[in-house]
Amino acid sequence: MFDFYPVLVDYSGVGATQEGGGGTFGLPELEPQEEGVKQRYYHPYTAERLDETVRANGCTVLYLQKIDDIFVQSYQNLFTDHLAAAQAGQTLLYRVTDAGYEPVTMQMSKEAAQ
């Protein structure tokens, strides 16, 4: 039995007729202004709201499939390493702790790190 339930999931751009790539989470003020895929699949969350959502839902681990510059700029202060391990391709998992989100050591394939 797994205790792994998604709280925030972005399925944007997965259909055959949609432009792929998925969306991103970021600060409201960083939302792209030009209409298109990047704006359509942008999820504006303040750092406080994202943290409250994660903790209120009982999340113990965050899985970050892919992060971009906007995500890093928006939320790096929630992470104890400021997302350095994720950016270096060392992990996709972060444990939710009182001190912040701490990187979980894991073995990464080259494909997963890209």
N, C-alpha and C. Protein backbone atom coordinates (compact mmCIF):
# COMPACT_ATOMS: atom_id res chain seq x y z
N MET A 1 0.84 -1.17 0.00
CA MET A 1 0.00 0.00 0.00
C MET A 1 0.89 1.24 0.00
N PHE A 2 0.54 2.21 -0.82
CA PHE A 2 1.32 3.42 -0.93
C PHE A 2 0.57 4.59 -0.32
N ASP A 3 1.31 5.43 0.35
CA ASP A 3 0.74 6.67 0.88
C ASP A 3 1.22 7.80 -0.02
N PHE A 4 0.80 7.76 -1.27
CA PHE A 4 1.28 8.70 -2.28
C PHE A 4 0.08 9.21 -3.06
N TYR A 5 -0.44 10.32 -2.66
CA TYR A 5 -1.61 10.88 -3.31
C TYR A 5 -1.30 12.29 -3.76
N PRO A 6 -1.55 12.62 -5.01
CA PRO A 6 -1.24 13.97 -5.48
C PRO A 6 -2.19 15.01 -4.89
N VAL A 7 -1.63 16.16 -4.56
CA VAL A 7 -2.42 17.30 -4.08
C VAL A 7 -2.54 18.33 -5.19
N LEU A 8 -1.42 18.67 -5.81
CA LEU A 8 -1.40 19.60 -6.93
C LEU A 8 -0.77 18.89 -8.11
N VAL A 9 -1.52 18.70 -9.16
CA VAL A 9 -1.03 18.00 -10.35
C VAL A 9 -1.33 18.86 -11.56
N ASP A 10 -0.37 18.94 -12.46
CA ASP A 10 -0.55 19.70 -13.70
C ASP A 10 -0.49 18.74 -14.87
N TYR A 11 -1.64 18.49 -15.48
CA TYR A 11 -1.71 17.61 -16.65
C TYR A 11 -1.75 18.39 -17.96
N SER A 12 -1.44 19.65 -17.93
CA SER A 12 -1.59 20.48 -19.12
C SER A 12 -0.70 20.01 -20.26
N GLY A 13 -1.25 20.09 -21.45
CA GLY A 13 -0.48 19.79 -22.63
C GLY A 13 -0.21 18.33 -22.88
N VAL A 14 -1.02 17.43 -22.33
CA VAL A 14 -0.75 16.01 -22.52
C VAL A 14 -1.55 15.39 -23.66
N GLY A 15 -2.58 16.05 -24.13
CA GLY A 15 -3.39 15.51 -25.21
C GLY A 15 -2.70 15.60 -26.55
N ALA A 16 -3.10 14.76 -27.48
CA ALA A 16 -2.46 14.72 -28.80
C ALA A 16 -2.63 16.03 -29.56
N THR A 17 -3.72 16.76 -29.33
CA THR A 17 -3.95 17.99 -30.07
C THR A 17 -3.48 19.23 -29.32
N GLN A 18 -2.98 19.05 -28.11
CA GLN A 18 -2.52 20.19 -27.32
C GLN A 18 -1.02 20.37 -27.50
N GLU A 19 -0.58 21.61 -27.34
CA GLU A 19 0.85 21.85 -27.33
C GLU A 19 1.38 21.31 -26.01
N GLY A 20 2.39 20.47 -26.07
CA GLY A 20 2.88 19.81 -24.87
C GLY A 20 3.80 20.66 -24.03
N GLY A 21 4.27 20.08 -22.98
CA GLY A 21 5.24 20.75 -22.13
C GLY A 21 4.77 20.98 -20.73
N GLY A 22 3.47 20.98 -20.52
CA GLY A 22 2.97 21.18 -19.17
C GLY A 22 3.06 22.62 -18.73
N GLY A 23 2.46 22.88 -17.62
CA GLY A 23 2.43 24.23 -17.07
C GLY A 23 3.48 24.42 -16.01
N THR A 24 3.39 25.57 -15.35
CA THR A 24 4.31 25.84 -14.27
C THR A 24 3.57 26.54 -13.14
N PHE A 25 4.11 26.39 -11.96
CA PHE A 25 3.63 27.11 -10.79
C PHE A 25 4.58 28.26 -10.56
N GLY A 26 4.04 29.42 -10.19
CA GLY A 26 4.89 30.57 -9.92
C GLY A 26 4.12 31.67 -9.24
N LEU A 27 4.83 32.70 -8.86
CA LEU A 27 4.21 33.85 -8.21
C LEU A 27 3.25 34.53 -9.17
N PRO A 28 2.14 35.07 -8.66
CA PRO A 28 1.16 35.74 -9.52
C PRO A 28 1.78 36.85 -10.38
N GLU A 29 2.72 37.58 -9.81
CA GLU A 29 3.32 38.70 -10.56
C GLU A 29 4.25 38.25 -11.68
N LEU A 30 4.60 36.98 -11.73
CA LEU A 30 5.47 36.46 -12.79
C LEU A 30 4.68 35.78 -13.91
N GLU A 31 3.36 35.81 -13.82
CA GLU A 31 2.52 35.16 -14.84
C GLU A 31 2.76 35.80 -16.20
N PRO A 32 3.00 34.99 -17.24
CA PRO A 32 3.21 35.53 -18.59
C PRO A 32 1.99 36.34 -19.04
N GLN A 33 2.25 37.48 -19.67
CA GLN A 33 1.17 38.36 -20.10
C GLN A 33 0.65 38.03 -21.49
N GLU A 34 1.49 37.47 -22.33
CA GLU A 34 1.05 37.16 -23.69
C GLU A 34 0.22 35.89 -23.69
N GLU A 35 -0.87 35.92 -24.45
CA GLU A 35 -1.76 34.76 -24.52
C GLU A 35 -1.04 33.59 -25.19
N GLY A 36 -1.34 32.42 -24.72
CA GLY A 36 -0.74 31.22 -25.30
C GLY A 36 -0.62 30.14 -24.25
N VAL A 37 0.13 29.11 -24.59
CA VAL A 37 0.27 27.94 -23.74
C VAL A 37 0.86 28.30 -22.38
N LYS A 38 1.90 29.12 -22.36
CA LYS A 38 2.55 29.45 -21.09
C LYS A 38 1.61 30.17 -20.15
N GLN A 39 0.76 31.05 -20.68
CA GLN A 39 -0.20 31.75 -19.83
C GLN A 39 -1.35 30.83 -19.44
N ARG A 40 -1.84 30.06 -20.39
CA ARG A 40 -2.99 29.18 -20.15
C ARG A 40 -2.71 28.16 -19.05
N TYR A 41 -1.50 27.64 -19.02
CA TYR A 41 -1.16 26.60 -18.06
C TYR A 41 -0.28 27.11 -16.92
N TYR A 42 -0.41 28.38 -16.60
CA TYR A 42 0.32 28.97 -15.48
C TYR A 42 -0.55 28.88 -14.23
N HIS A 43 0.03 28.45 -13.14
CA HIS A 43 -0.70 28.29 -11.89
C HIS A 43 -0.14 29.29 -10.87
N PRO A 44 -0.80 30.45 -10.72
CA PRO A 44 -0.27 31.48 -9.82
C PRO A 44 -0.53 31.15 -8.35
N TYR A 45 0.53 30.89 -7.63
CA TYR A 45 0.47 30.64 -6.19
C TYR A 45 1.53 31.49 -5.52
N THR A 46 1.16 32.20 -4.45
CA THR A 46 2.20 32.83 -3.64
C THR A 46 2.95 31.72 -2.93
N ALA A 47 4.14 32.01 -2.45
CA ALA A 47 4.90 31.00 -1.71
C ALA A 47 4.13 30.56 -0.47
N GLU A 48 3.48 31.50 0.18
CA GLU A 48 2.71 31.18 1.38
C GLU A 48 1.55 30.24 1.06
N ARG A 49 0.84 30.52 -0.04
CA ARG A 49 -0.30 29.68 -0.41
C ARG A 49 0.15 28.27 -0.79
N LEU A 50 1.24 28.17 -1.53
CA LEU A 50 1.75 26.85 -1.90
C LEU A 50 2.13 26.06 -0.65
N ASP A 51 2.85 26.69 0.26
CA ASP A 51 3.27 26.02 1.49
C ASP A 51 2.05 25.62 2.33
N GLU A 52 1.08 26.51 2.45
CA GLU A 52 -0.14 26.20 3.21
C GLU A 52 -0.89 25.03 2.58
N THR A 53 -0.98 25.01 1.26
CA THR A 53 -1.68 23.92 0.56
C THR A 53 -0.98 22.59 0.80
N VAL A 54 0.33 22.58 0.68
CA VAL A 54 1.11 21.36 0.90
C VAL A 54 0.90 20.84 2.32
N ARG A 55 1.07 21.71 3.29
CA ARG A 55 0.99 21.29 4.69
C ARG A 55 -0.44 20.95 5.12
N ALA A 56 -1.42 21.73 4.66
CA ALA A 56 -2.82 21.48 5.05
C ALA A 56 -3.33 20.14 4.53
N ASN A 57 -2.74 19.66 3.44
CA ASN A 57 -3.16 18.38 2.86
C ASN A 57 -2.35 17.20 3.39
N GLY A 58 -1.48 17.46 4.34
CA GLY A 58 -0.72 16.38 4.96
C GLY A 58 0.39 15.81 4.11
N CYS A 59 0.86 16.54 3.13
CA CYS A 59 1.95 16.05 2.28
C CYS A 59 3.21 15.85 3.11
N THR A 60 3.89 14.76 2.87
CA THR A 60 5.15 14.51 3.55
C THR A 60 6.33 14.57 2.59
N VAL A 61 6.06 14.41 1.30
CA VAL A 61 7.11 14.44 0.28
C VAL A 61 6.58 15.16 -0.95
N LEU A 62 7.43 15.98 -1.56
CA LEU A 62 7.10 16.64 -2.82
C LEU A 62 7.87 15.97 -3.94
N TYR A 63 7.20 15.69 -5.04
CA TYR A 63 7.83 15.15 -6.24
C TYR A 63 7.83 16.26 -7.27
N LEU A 64 8.99 16.69 -7.68
CA LEU A 64 9.13 17.76 -8.67
C LEU A 64 9.63 17.14 -9.96
N GLN A 65 8.71 16.87 -10.88
CA GLN A 65 9.10 16.21 -12.11
C GLN A 65 10.03 17.09 -12.94
N LYS A 66 9.72 18.37 -12.98
CA LYS A 66 10.53 19.30 -13.76
C LYS A 66 10.35 20.69 -13.15
N ILE A 67 11.45 21.41 -12.99
CA ILE A 67 11.35 22.77 -12.49
C ILE A 67 11.92 23.72 -13.54
N ASP A 68 11.39 24.93 -13.55
CA ASP A 68 11.90 25.93 -14.47
C ASP A 68 12.34 27.16 -13.68
N ASP A 69 12.86 28.16 -14.39
CA ASP A 69 13.38 29.36 -13.73
C ASP A 69 12.32 30.08 -12.91
N ILE A 70 11.08 30.12 -13.40
CA ILE A 70 10.01 30.80 -12.66
C ILE A 70 9.73 30.07 -11.35
N PHE A 71 9.70 28.74 -11.37
CA PHE A 71 9.47 27.98 -10.15
C PHE A 71 10.59 28.25 -9.14
N VAL A 72 11.83 28.22 -9.60
CA VAL A 72 12.97 28.46 -8.72
C VAL A 72 12.88 29.86 -8.12
N GLN A 73 12.66 30.86 -8.97
CA GLN A 73 12.57 32.24 -8.49
C GLN A 73 11.43 32.41 -7.49
N SER A 74 10.33 31.73 -7.72
CA SER A 74 9.14 31.88 -6.89
C SER A 74 9.24 31.18 -5.54
N TYR A 75 9.83 29.99 -5.52
CA TYR A 75 9.70 29.14 -4.34
C TYR A 75 11.00 28.65 -3.72
N GLN A 76 12.14 29.09 -4.20
CA GLN A 76 13.40 28.55 -3.69
C GLN A 76 13.57 28.73 -2.18
N ASN A 77 12.97 29.77 -1.62
CA ASN A 77 13.12 29.99 -0.18
C ASN A 77 12.32 29.01 0.67
N LEU A 78 11.41 28.25 0.06
CA LEU A 78 10.69 27.20 0.79
C LEU A 78 11.56 25.96 0.96
N PHE A 79 12.61 25.84 0.18
CA PHE A 79 13.46 24.66 0.15
C PHE A 79 14.75 24.93 0.91
N THR A 80 15.14 23.99 1.76
CA THR A 80 16.32 24.22 2.61
C THR A 80 17.60 24.39 1.80
N ASP A 81 17.65 23.82 0.61
CA ASP A 81 18.83 23.96 -0.25
C ASP A 81 18.59 24.95 -1.39
N HIS A 82 17.48 25.67 -1.32
CA HIS A 82 17.09 26.63 -2.37
C HIS A 82 17.01 25.97 -3.75
N LEU A 83 16.64 24.68 -3.76
CA LEU A 83 16.46 23.86 -4.96
C LEU A 83 17.77 23.50 -5.66
N ALA A 84 18.89 23.64 -4.96
CA ALA A 84 20.19 23.33 -5.58
C ALA A 84 20.29 21.87 -6.01
N ALA A 85 19.82 20.94 -5.19
CA ALA A 85 19.91 19.51 -5.54
C ALA A 85 19.08 19.19 -6.77
N ALA A 86 17.89 19.77 -6.87
CA ALA A 86 17.04 19.53 -8.04
C ALA A 86 17.68 20.12 -9.29
N GLN A 87 18.24 21.31 -9.18
CA GLN A 87 18.88 21.94 -10.33
C GLN A 87 20.13 21.19 -10.77
N ALA A 88 20.80 20.54 -9.83
CA ALA A 88 22.01 19.78 -10.16
C ALA A 88 21.68 18.37 -10.64
N GLY A 89 20.38 18.02 -10.70
CA GLY A 89 19.99 16.70 -11.15
C GLY A 89 20.22 15.61 -10.12
N GLN A 90 20.27 15.97 -8.84
CA GLN A 90 20.54 15.00 -7.79
C GLN A 90 19.28 14.42 -7.16
N THR A 91 18.14 15.09 -7.32
CA THR A 91 16.90 14.58 -6.72
C THR A 91 15.68 15.19 -7.40
N LEU A 92 14.57 14.49 -7.28
CA LEU A 92 13.25 14.99 -7.68
C LEU A 92 12.33 15.03 -6.47
N LEU A 93 12.84 14.56 -5.32
CA LEU A 93 12.02 14.44 -4.12
C LEU A 93 12.51 15.37 -3.02
N TYR A 94 11.55 15.97 -2.32
CA TYR A 94 11.84 16.82 -1.17
C TYR A 94 10.90 16.43 -0.04
N ARG A 95 11.47 16.22 1.14
CA ARG A 95 10.68 15.88 2.33
C ARG A 95 10.18 17.17 2.98
N VAL A 96 8.91 17.18 3.37
CA VAL A 96 8.31 18.33 4.04
C VAL A 96 8.67 18.25 5.52
N THR A 97 9.41 19.26 6.01
CA THR A 97 9.81 19.31 7.42
C THR A 97 9.44 20.67 7.99
N ASP A 98 9.58 20.79 9.29
CA ASP A 98 9.32 22.08 9.93
C ASP A 98 10.30 23.16 9.45
N ALA A 99 11.51 22.75 9.09
CA ALA A 99 12.53 23.69 8.64
C ALA A 99 12.36 24.11 7.18
N GLY A 100 11.53 23.40 6.45
CA GLY A 100 11.34 23.65 5.02
C GLY A 100 11.33 22.33 4.28
N TYR A 101 11.47 22.39 2.98
CA TYR A 101 11.47 21.18 2.16
C TYR A 101 12.92 20.75 1.96
N GLU A 102 13.26 19.56 2.47
CA GLU A 102 14.63 19.08 2.44
C GLU A 102 14.82 18.05 1.33
N PRO A 103 15.94 18.12 0.59
CA PRO A 103 16.17 17.16 -0.49
C PRO A 103 16.30 15.74 0.04
N VAL A 104 15.73 14.80 -0.71
CA VAL A 104 15.84 13.37 -0.39
C VAL A 104 16.88 12.80 -1.34
N THR A 105 17.89 12.15 -0.79
CA THR A 105 18.94 11.55 -1.61
C THR A 105 18.34 10.42 -2.44
N MET A 106 18.64 10.45 -3.73
CA MET A 106 18.16 9.39 -4.62
C MET A 106 19.13 9.24 -5.77
N GLN A 107 19.13 8.06 -6.38
CA GLN A 107 19.96 7.80 -7.54
C GLN A 107 19.18 8.23 -8.77
N MET A 108 19.80 9.07 -9.59
CA MET A 108 19.12 9.63 -10.76
C MET A 108 19.73 9.10 -12.04
N SER A 109 18.87 8.79 -13.02
CA SER A 109 19.36 8.46 -14.36
C SER A 109 19.63 9.77 -15.09
N LYS A 110 20.40 9.73 -16.14
CA LYS A 110 20.69 10.94 -16.91
C LYS A 110 19.42 11.52 -17.52
N GLU A 111 18.50 10.67 -17.95
CA GLU A 111 17.25 11.14 -18.56
C GLU A 111 16.39 11.88 -17.54
N ALA A 112 16.31 11.38 -16.33
CA ALA A 112 15.48 12.01 -15.29
C ALA A 112 16.04 13.35 -14.86
N ALA A 113 17.34 13.50 -14.93
CA ALA A 113 17.97 14.74 -14.48
C ALA A 113 17.82 15.87 -15.49
N GLN A 114 17.36 15.57 -16.70
CA GLN A 114 17.26 16.61 -17.72
C GLN A 114 15.95 17.32 -17.69
